[in-house]
Amino acid sequence: MKTITINVSEPVYEDFQRFAQKMDRKASELIREAMEAYRQQHMLRRTSLRDRRPASVGGPIQPITSEDDLLGEMLHDLRD
C-alpha cells in the first residue's frame, strides 16, 4: 500500500473522524473506501450501449400514417 499526504478542510476530516469512531473503524479506512468508490464510478467505468437506458425525447410532431416515408424524410437533405 502506498502512503500519501492529502490536504482536506478541518470540517471534512472531523466528519470522517466522528463517523469512523461511531463505526469503530479508522478514518483512513473510510477515506480509502471513498477513494476506491470514486475510482470505480468515475475512472474505471466502462459501459456499452447495451448498458444504457433509453431516453425519452417526446412524441412525434405530427401523426404518422402508413403512407409516410420515414426513411426518406430522415435522409432528405434540407439544403437541396
Protein backbone atom coordinates (compact mmCIF):
# COMPACT_ATOMS: atom_id res chain seq x y z
CA MET A 1 0.00 0.00 0.00
CA LYS A 2 1.26 3.48 -0.88
CA THR A 3 1.36 6.18 1.81
CA ILE A 4 0.16 9.58 0.59
CA THR A 5 -0.42 13.01 2.08
CA ILE A 6 -3.60 14.92 1.25
CA ASN A 7 -4.93 18.27 2.39
CA VAL A 8 -8.59 18.45 3.42
CA SER A 9 -10.56 21.03 5.32
CA GLU A 10 -10.84 20.60 9.07
CA PRO A 11 -14.64 20.10 8.99
CA VAL A 12 -14.38 17.33 6.39
CA TYR A 13 -11.69 15.48 8.30
CA GLU A 14 -13.58 15.90 11.58
CA ASP A 15 -16.68 14.41 9.95
CA PHE A 16 -14.64 11.41 8.82
CA GLN A 17 -13.14 11.00 12.30
CA ARG A 18 -16.53 11.20 14.04
CA PHE A 19 -18.14 8.74 11.63
CA ALA A 20 -15.19 6.35 11.86
CA GLN A 21 -15.40 6.39 15.65
CA LYS A 22 -19.14 5.60 15.50
CA MET A 23 -18.42 2.70 13.16
CA ASP A 24 -15.44 1.51 15.27
CA ARG A 25 -13.10 1.99 12.34
CA LYS A 26 -10.25 4.27 11.35
CA ALA A 27 -10.78 7.44 9.32
CA SER A 28 -8.05 6.27 6.93
CA GLU A 29 -10.12 3.15 6.12
CA LEU A 30 -13.13 5.28 5.25
CA ILE A 31 -11.04 7.59 3.10
CA ARG A 32 -9.54 4.60 1.24
CA GLU A 33 -13.04 3.24 0.64
CA ALA A 34 -14.22 6.64 -0.60
CA MET A 35 -11.28 6.83 -2.99
CA GLU A 36 -11.98 3.32 -4.29
CA ALA A 37 -15.67 4.12 -4.79
CA TYR A 38 -14.71 7.24 -6.76
CA ARG A 39 -12.25 5.22 -8.83
CA GLN A 40 -14.87 2.57 -9.64
CA GLN A 41 -17.57 5.11 -10.52
CA HIS A 42 -15.56 7.64 -12.48
CA MET A 43 -12.24 6.25 -13.59
CA LEU A 44 -12.92 2.59 -14.40
CA ARG A 45 -16.45 3.00 -15.69
CA ARG A 46 -16.79 1.02 -18.89
CA THR A 47 -20.28 0.95 -20.31
CA SER A 48 -21.54 -0.16 -23.65
CA LEU A 49 -24.63 0.99 -25.47
CA ARG A 50 -26.34 -2.16 -24.20
CA ASP A 51 -25.90 -0.86 -20.63
CA ARG A 52 -27.53 2.48 -21.42
CA ARG A 53 -31.17 3.16 -20.66
CA PRO A 54 -33.27 4.68 -23.45
CA ALA A 55 -34.02 8.37 -23.17
CA SER A 56 -37.41 9.81 -23.99
CA VAL A 57 -37.30 12.72 -26.39
CA GLY A 58 -41.06 13.18 -26.54
CA GLY A 59 -43.60 12.10 -29.09
CA PRO A 60 -43.93 12.74 -32.82
CA ILE A 61 -44.53 16.29 -34.01
CA GLN A 62 -47.39 15.13 -36.21
CA PRO A 63 -49.26 11.83 -36.52
CA ILE A 64 -47.57 9.14 -38.60
CA THR A 65 -49.61 7.36 -41.26
CA SER A 66 -48.89 4.12 -43.06
CA GLU A 67 -48.12 6.10 -46.23
CA ASP A 68 -45.37 8.15 -44.58
CA ASP A 69 -41.87 7.52 -45.91
CA LEU A 70 -39.91 7.96 -42.70
CA LEU A 71 -36.62 6.78 -44.16
CA GLY A 72 -36.96 9.25 -47.00
CA GLU A 73 -37.63 12.07 -44.56
CA MET A 74 -34.64 11.13 -42.44
CA LEU A 75 -32.35 11.02 -45.45
CA HIS A 76 -33.71 14.19 -47.07
CA ASP A 77 -31.12 16.95 -47.02
CA LEU A 78 -32.84 20.25 -46.29
CA ARG A 79 -30.04 22.11 -48.10
CA ASP A 80 -31.23 20.81 -51.51
